[in-house]
Each structure stands twice: as structure tokens, then as C-alpha cells.
């Protein structure tokens, strides 16, 4: 079965400056991701799109 291409994938990332700072989630959108893409590959693609 062929992998599908997801047009848009939203990823929530926990951001925190340091251990004592209050953290929060930030939402990032990654475009055109194959369902066969690994999680680490997806993060690499997200970084390239930023």
C-alpha cells in the first residue's frame, strides 16, 4: 500500500526556557508529510519550514 501525503499536520511542542521558567505549548504546522515519514524526519522537515 502506498504512503499517503498529509496536506497539513499540526504539532504541539512544549517550550520552556529553563527548569525554573513556566512553560507553554506552541503549535507548528508541517505541510506535505508522507505517512511513511518517521517522527525525527518530520521534526527535521518542520525545522526547515520555520
PDB file of N, CA and C in Angstrom:
ATOM      1  N   UNK A   1       0.845  -1.182   0.000  1.00  0.00           N
ATOM      2  CA  UNK A   1       0.000   0.000   0.000  1.00  0.00           C
ATOM      3  C   UNK A   1       0.891   1.246   0.000  1.00  0.00           C
ATOM      4  N   UNK A   2       0.581   2.177  -0.852  1.00  0.00           N
ATOM      5  CA  UNK A   2       1.381   3.394  -0.982  1.00  0.00           C
ATOM      6  C   UNK A   2       1.133   4.335   0.197  1.00  0.00           C
ATOM      7  N   UNK A   3       2.194   5.063   0.555  1.00  0.00           N
ATOM      8  CA  UNK A   3       2.051   6.063   1.606  1.00  0.00           C
ATOM      9  C   UNK A   3       1.175   7.204   1.114  1.00  0.00           C
ATOM     10  N   UNK A   4       0.442   7.796   2.029  1.00  0.00           N
ATOM     11  CA  UNK A   4      -0.392   8.949   1.704  1.00  0.00           C
ATOM     12  C   UNK A   4       0.371  10.219   2.079  1.00  0.00           C
ATOM     13  N   UNK A   5       0.017  11.307   1.438  1.00  0.00           N
ATOM     14  CA  UNK A   5       0.606  12.606   1.759  1.00  0.00           C
ATOM     15  C   UNK A   5      -0.424  13.397   2.563  1.00  0.00           C
ATOM     16  N   UNK A   6      -0.015  13.820   3.748  1.00  0.00           N
ATOM     17  CA  UNK A   6      -0.880  14.652   4.579  1.00  0.00           C
ATOM     18  C   UNK A   6      -0.633  16.105   4.197  1.00  0.00           C
ATOM     19  N   UNK A   7      -1.667  16.796   3.792  1.00  0.00           N
ATOM     20  CA  UNK A   7      -1.525  18.179   3.342  1.00  0.00           C
ATOM     21  C   UNK A   7      -1.018  19.073   4.470  1.00  0.00           C
ATOM     22  N   UNK A   8      -1.542  18.852   5.670  1.00  0.00           N
ATOM     23  CA  UNK A   8      -1.182  19.710   6.794  1.00  0.00           C
ATOM     24  C   UNK A   8      -1.218  18.892   8.084  1.00  0.00           C
ATOM     25  N   UNK A   9      -0.186  19.029   8.886  1.00  0.00           N
ATOM     26  CA  UNK A   9      -0.117  18.334  10.165  1.00  0.00           C
ATOM     27  C   UNK A   9       0.249  19.356  11.230  1.00  0.00           C
ATOM     28  N   UNK A  10      -0.554  19.429  12.280  1.00  0.00           N
ATOM     29  CA  UNK A  10      -0.275  20.371  13.366  1.00  0.00           C
ATOM     30  C   UNK A  10       0.436  19.626  14.492  1.00  0.00           C
ATOM     31  N   UNK A  11       1.524  20.225  14.978  1.00  0.00           N
ATOM     32  CA  UNK A  11       2.347  19.619  16.024  1.00  0.00           C
ATOM     33  C   UNK A  11       2.414  20.591  17.196  1.00  0.00           C
ATOM     34  N   UNK A  12       2.110  20.094  18.382  1.00  0.00           N
ATOM     35  CA  UNK A  12       2.233  20.913  19.585  1.00  0.00           C
ATOM     36  C   UNK A  12       3.546  20.556  20.269  1.00  0.00           C
ATOM     37  N   UNK A  13       4.367  21.585  20.524  1.00  0.00           N
ATOM     38  CA  UNK A  13       5.691  21.404  21.112  1.00  0.00           C
ATOM     39  C   UNK A  13       5.739  22.160  22.432  1.00  0.00           C
ATOM     40  N   UNK A  14       6.216  21.490  23.480  1.00  0.00           N
ATOM     41  CA  UNK A  14       6.364  22.118  24.787  1.00  0.00           C
ATOM     42  C   UNK A  14       7.622  22.972  24.769  1.00  0.00           C
ATOM     43  N   UNK A  15       7.484  24.269  25.092  1.00  0.00           N
ATOM     44  CA  UNK A  15       8.609  25.204  25.101  1.00  0.00           C
ATOM     45  C   UNK A  15       8.798  25.713  26.528  1.00  0.00           C
ATOM     46  N   UNK A  16      10.046  25.705  26.986  1.00  0.00           N
ATOM     47  CA  UNK A  16      10.358  26.146  28.336  1.00  0.00           C
ATOM     48  C   UNK A  16      11.797  26.636  28.334  1.00  0.00           C
ATOM     49  N   UNK A  17      12.027  27.883  28.746  1.00  0.00           N
ATOM     50  CA  UNK A  17      13.360  28.484  28.697  1.00  0.00           C
ATOM     51  C   UNK A  17      14.362  27.720  29.554  1.00  0.00           C
ATOM     52  N   UNK A  18      13.981  27.386  30.786  1.00  0.00           N
ATOM     53  CA  UNK A  18      14.833  26.609  31.688  1.00  0.00           C
ATOM     54  C   UNK A  18      13.948  25.907  32.718  1.00  0.00           C
ATOM     55  N   UNK A  19      14.565  25.161  33.614  1.00  0.00           N
ATOM     56  CA  UNK A  19      13.810  24.344  34.573  1.00  0.00           C
ATOM     57  C   UNK A  19      12.930  25.180  35.507  1.00  0.00           C
ATOM     58  N   UNK A  20      13.298  26.429  35.751  1.00  0.00           N
ATOM     59  CA  UNK A  20      12.544  27.261  36.682  1.00  0.00           C
ATOM     60  C   UNK A  20      11.484  28.124  35.999  1.00  0.00           C
ATOM     61  N   UNK A  21      11.552  28.236  34.695  1.00  0.00           N
ATOM     62  CA  UNK A  21      10.592  29.064  33.954  1.00  0.00           C
ATOM     63  C   UNK A  21       9.291  28.309  33.716  1.00  0.00           C
ATOM     64  N   UNK A  22       8.217  29.078  33.607  1.00  0.00           N
ATOM     65  CA  UNK A  22       6.928  28.492  33.262  1.00  0.00           C
ATOM     66  C   UNK A  22       6.946  28.143  31.773  1.00  0.00           C
ATOM     67  N   UNK A  23       6.436  26.987  31.435  1.00  0.00           N
ATOM     68  CA  UNK A  23       6.420  26.550  30.044  1.00  0.00           C
ATOM     69  C   UNK A  23       5.051  26.698  29.407  1.00  0.00           C
ATOM     70  N   UNK A  24       5.010  26.454  28.108  1.00  0.00           N
ATOM     71  CA  UNK A  24       3.761  26.526  27.355  1.00  0.00           C
ATOM     72  C   UNK A  24       3.903  25.707  26.076  1.00  0.00           C
ATOM     73  N   UNK A  25       2.766  25.368  25.479  1.00  0.00           N
ATOM     74  CA  UNK A  25       2.769  24.675  24.195  1.00  0.00           C
ATOM     75  C   UNK A  25       2.731  25.702  23.072  1.00  0.00           C
ATOM     76  N   UNK A  26       3.486  25.431  22.014  1.00  0.00           N
ATOM     77  CA  UNK A  26       3.403  26.203  20.781  1.00  0.00           C
ATOM     78  C   UNK A  26       2.965  25.247  19.686  1.00  0.00           C
ATOM     79  N   UNK A  27       2.113  25.719  18.796  1.00  0.00           N
ATOM     80  CA  UNK A  27       1.611  24.893  17.704  1.00  0.00           C
ATOM     81  C   UNK A  27       2.335  25.255  16.415  1.00  0.00           C
ATOM     82  N   UNK A  28       2.855  24.230  15.749  1.00  0.00           N
ATOM     83  CA  UNK A  28       3.534  24.396  14.466  1.00  0.00           C
ATOM     84  C   UNK A  28       2.786  23.584  13.421  1.00  0.00           C
ATOM     85  N   UNK A  29       2.792  24.065  12.193  1.00  0.00           N
ATOM     86  CA  UNK A  29       2.153  23.368  11.086  1.00  0.00           C
ATOM     87  C   UNK A  29       3.225  22.863  10.140  1.00  0.00           C
ATOM     88  N   UNK A  30       3.155  21.577   9.804  1.00  0.00           N
ATOM     89  CA  UNK A  30       4.076  20.973   8.846  1.00  0.00           C
ATOM     90  C   UNK A  30       3.252  20.585   7.627  1.00  0.00           C
ATOM     91  N   UNK A  31       3.735  20.950   6.459  1.00  0.00           N
ATOM     92  CA  UNK A  31       2.997  20.714   5.221  1.00  0.00           C
ATOM     93  C   UNK A  31       3.596  19.572   4.415  1.00  0.00           C
ATOM     94  N   UNK A  32       2.726  18.844   3.718  1.00  0.00           N
ATOM     95  CA  UNK A  32       3.115  17.804   2.751  1.00  0.00           C
ATOM     96  C   UNK A  32       4.021  16.732   3.352  1.00  0.00           C
ATOM     97  N   UNK A  33       3.537  16.064   4.386  1.00  0.00           N
ATOM     98  CA  UNK A  33       4.274  14.998   5.060  1.00  0.00           C
ATOM     99  C   UNK A  33       3.701  13.653   4.637  1.00  0.00           C
ATOM    100  N   UNK A  34       4.577  12.735   4.290  1.00  0.00           N
ATOM    101  CA  UNK A  34       4.162  11.377   3.939  1.00  0.00           C
ATOM    102  C   UNK A  34       3.856  10.601   5.215  1.00  0.00           C
ATOM    103  N   UNK A  35       2.873   9.713   5.151  1.00  0.00           N
ATOM    104  CA  UNK A  35       2.558   8.885   6.318  1.00  0.00           C
ATOM    105  C   UNK A  35       3.692   7.909   6.630  1.00  0.00           C
ATOM    106  N   UNK A  36       4.634   7.728   5.710  1.00  0.00           N
ATOM    107  CA  UNK A  36       5.788   6.864   5.937  1.00  0.00           C
ATOM    108  C   UNK A  36       6.976   7.587   6.558  1.00  0.00           C
ATOM    109  N   UNK A  37       6.834   8.879   6.820  1.00  0.00           N
ATOM    110  CA  UNK A  37       7.914   9.681   7.397  1.00  0.00           C
ATOM    111  C   UNK A  37       8.046   9.378   8.886  1.00  0.00           C
ATOM    112  N   UNK A  38       9.283   9.194   9.352  1.00  0.00           N
ATOM    113  CA  UNK A  38       9.499   8.947  10.778  1.00  0.00           C
ATOM    114  C   UNK A  38       9.301  10.244  11.562  1.00  0.00           C
ATOM    115  N   UNK A  39       9.155  10.109  12.866  1.00  0.00           N
ATOM    116  CA  UNK A  39       8.954  11.276  13.726  1.00  0.00           C
ATOM    117  C   UNK A  39      10.146  12.224  13.640  1.00  0.00           C
ATOM    118  N   UNK A  40      11.371  11.684  13.674  1.00  0.00           N
ATOM    119  CA  UNK A  40      12.562  12.531  13.609  1.00  0.00           C
ATOM    120  C   UNK A  40      12.690  13.222  12.254  1.00  0.00           C
ATOM    121  N   UNK A  41      12.345  12.523  11.183  1.00  0.00           N
ATOM    122  CA  UNK A  41      12.356  13.145   9.854  1.00  0.00           C
ATOM    123  C   UNK A  41      11.336  14.278   9.789  1.00  0.00           C
ATOM    124  N   UNK A  42      10.173  14.065  10.400  1.00  0.00           N
ATOM    125  CA  UNK A  42       9.130  15.080  10.414  1.00  0.00           C
ATOM    126  C   UNK A  42       9.611  16.329  11.152  1.00  0.00           C
ATOM    127  N   UNK A  43      10.298  16.146  12.291  1.00  0.00           N
ATOM    128  CA  UNK A  43      10.827  17.292  13.032  1.00  0.00           C
ATOM    129  C   UNK A  43      11.871  18.036  12.209  1.00  0.00           C
ATOM    130  N   UNK A  44      12.699  17.307  11.461  1.00  0.00           N
ATOM    131  CA  UNK A  44      13.699  17.923  10.593  1.00  0.00           C
ATOM    132  C   UNK A  44      13.017  18.756   9.509  1.00  0.00           C
ATOM    133  N   UNK A  45      11.969  18.220   8.911  1.00  0.00           N
ATOM    134  CA  UNK A  45      11.212  18.946   7.884  1.00  0.00           C
ATOM    135  C   UNK A  45      10.563  20.187   8.494  1.00  0.00           C
ATOM    136  N   UNK A  46      10.018  20.050   9.702  1.00  0.00           N
ATOM    137  CA  UNK A  46       9.405  21.187  10.381  1.00  0.00           C
ATOM    138  C   UNK A  46      10.440  22.289  10.593  1.00  0.00           C
ATOM    139  N   UNK A  47      11.642  21.940  11.036  1.00  0.00           N
ATOM    140  CA  UNK A  47      12.700  22.930  11.249  1.00  0.00           C
ATOM    141  C   UNK A  47      13.072  23.634   9.952  1.00  0.00           C
ATOM    142  N   UNK A  48      13.089  22.906   8.840  1.00  0.00           N
ATOM    143  CA  UNK A  48      13.395  23.509   7.544  1.00  0.00           C
ATOM    144  C   UNK A  48      12.313  24.495   7.127  1.00  0.00           C
ATOM    145  N   UNK A  49      11.071  24.237   7.495  1.00  0.00           N
ATOM    146  CA  UNK A  49       9.955  25.096   7.104  1.00  0.00           C
ATOM    147  C   UNK A  49       9.841  26.343   7.976  1.00  0.00           C
ATOM    148  N   UNK A  50      10.513  26.352   9.130  1.00  0.00           N
ATOM    149  CA  UNK A  50      10.419  27.517  10.029  1.00  0.00           C
ATOM    150  C   UNK A  50      11.198  28.697   9.499  1.00  0.00           C
TER     151      UNK A  50
END
